Amino acid sequence: MIADTKKIERLLKSDLSAWGIQKKTGVSRNAIIEMRHGRRKIENLRLKTAIKLTDLADKVGEQNADS
């Protein structure tokens, strides 16, 4: 269980919708949108939230590697 800000940044820049990220992680759509628009800093996330987003980023990265 590691939080990685670089992976979270990559996830936020991906084609996944905020709704899709919310559905897969439980992180609110509003929080995702605020991070994408720079109104909320990734560094200020709770550790639990950052880990959820990092885990999803890893899964998305694995799927893209398989393609």
Protein backbone atom coordinates (compact mmCIF):
# COMPACT_ATOMS: atom_id res chain seq x y z
CA MET A 1 0.00 0.00 0.00
CA ILE A 2 1.90 2.97 -1.34
CA ALA A 3 0.67 6.39 -2.42
CA ASP A 4 2.42 7.73 -5.52
CA THR A 5 1.65 11.30 -6.61
CA LYS A 6 3.11 10.75 -10.09
CA LYS A 7 0.77 7.81 -10.70
CA ILE A 8 -2.19 9.82 -9.40
CA GLU A 9 -1.31 12.68 -11.77
CA ARG A 10 -1.18 10.20 -14.67
CA LEU A 11 -4.58 8.81 -13.64
CA LEU A 12 -6.11 12.29 -13.49
CA LYS A 13 -4.77 13.05 -16.99
CA SER A 14 -6.14 9.78 -18.38
CA ASP A 15 -9.28 9.35 -20.45
CA LEU A 16 -11.15 7.90 -17.48
CA SER A 17 -14.11 10.05 -16.50
CA ALA A 18 -14.43 11.44 -12.98
CA TRP A 19 -17.52 9.25 -12.60
CA GLY A 20 -15.55 6.17 -13.65
CA ILE A 21 -12.80 6.92 -11.16
CA GLN A 22 -15.39 7.50 -8.45
CA LYS A 23 -17.11 4.22 -9.22
CA LYS A 24 -13.85 2.26 -9.02
CA THR A 25 -12.33 3.99 -5.97
CA GLY A 26 -15.11 5.57 -3.94
CA VAL A 27 -13.36 8.96 -4.18
CA SER A 28 -15.96 11.66 -4.82
CA ARG A 29 -16.40 12.90 -8.34
CA ASN A 30 -16.18 16.47 -7.07
CA ALA A 31 -12.77 15.83 -5.47
CA ILE A 32 -11.49 14.32 -8.72
CA ILE A 33 -12.73 17.29 -10.75
CA GLU A 34 -11.15 19.73 -8.30
CA MET A 35 -7.80 17.94 -8.57
CA ARG A 36 -8.02 17.92 -12.37
CA HIS A 37 -8.63 21.69 -12.38
CA GLY A 38 -5.91 22.42 -9.84
CA ARG A 39 -8.27 23.60 -7.09
CA ARG A 40 -7.21 20.72 -4.82
CA LYS A 41 -3.63 19.53 -4.43
CA ILE A 42 -2.76 15.85 -4.63
CA GLU A 43 -0.28 16.39 -1.81
CA ASN A 44 -3.16 17.33 0.52
CA LEU A 45 -5.11 14.10 0.00
CA ARG A 46 -5.68 11.78 2.89
CA LEU A 47 -3.39 8.77 2.74
CA LYS A 48 -6.31 6.35 2.31
CA THR A 49 -7.61 8.33 -0.68
CA ALA A 50 -4.16 8.59 -2.25
CA ILE A 51 -3.66 4.84 -1.93
CA LYS A 52 -7.01 4.13 -3.62
CA LEU A 53 -6.11 6.40 -6.54
CA THR A 54 -2.61 4.90 -6.81
CA ASP A 55 -4.06 1.39 -6.89
CA LEU A 56 -6.41 2.34 -9.72
CA ALA A 57 -3.56 4.05 -11.60
CA ASP A 58 -1.59 0.80 -11.35
CA LYS A 59 -4.53 -1.20 -12.74
CA VAL A 60 -5.03 1.26 -15.60
CA GLY A 61 -1.30 1.16 -16.33
CA GLU A 62 -1.33 -2.65 -16.45
CA GLN A 63 -4.31 -2.65 -18.83
CA ASN A 64 -2.59 -0.16 -21.15
CA ALA A 65 0.60 -2.25 -21.11
CA ASP A 66 -1.40 -5.31 -22.17
CA SER A 67 -2.96 -3.46 -25.11
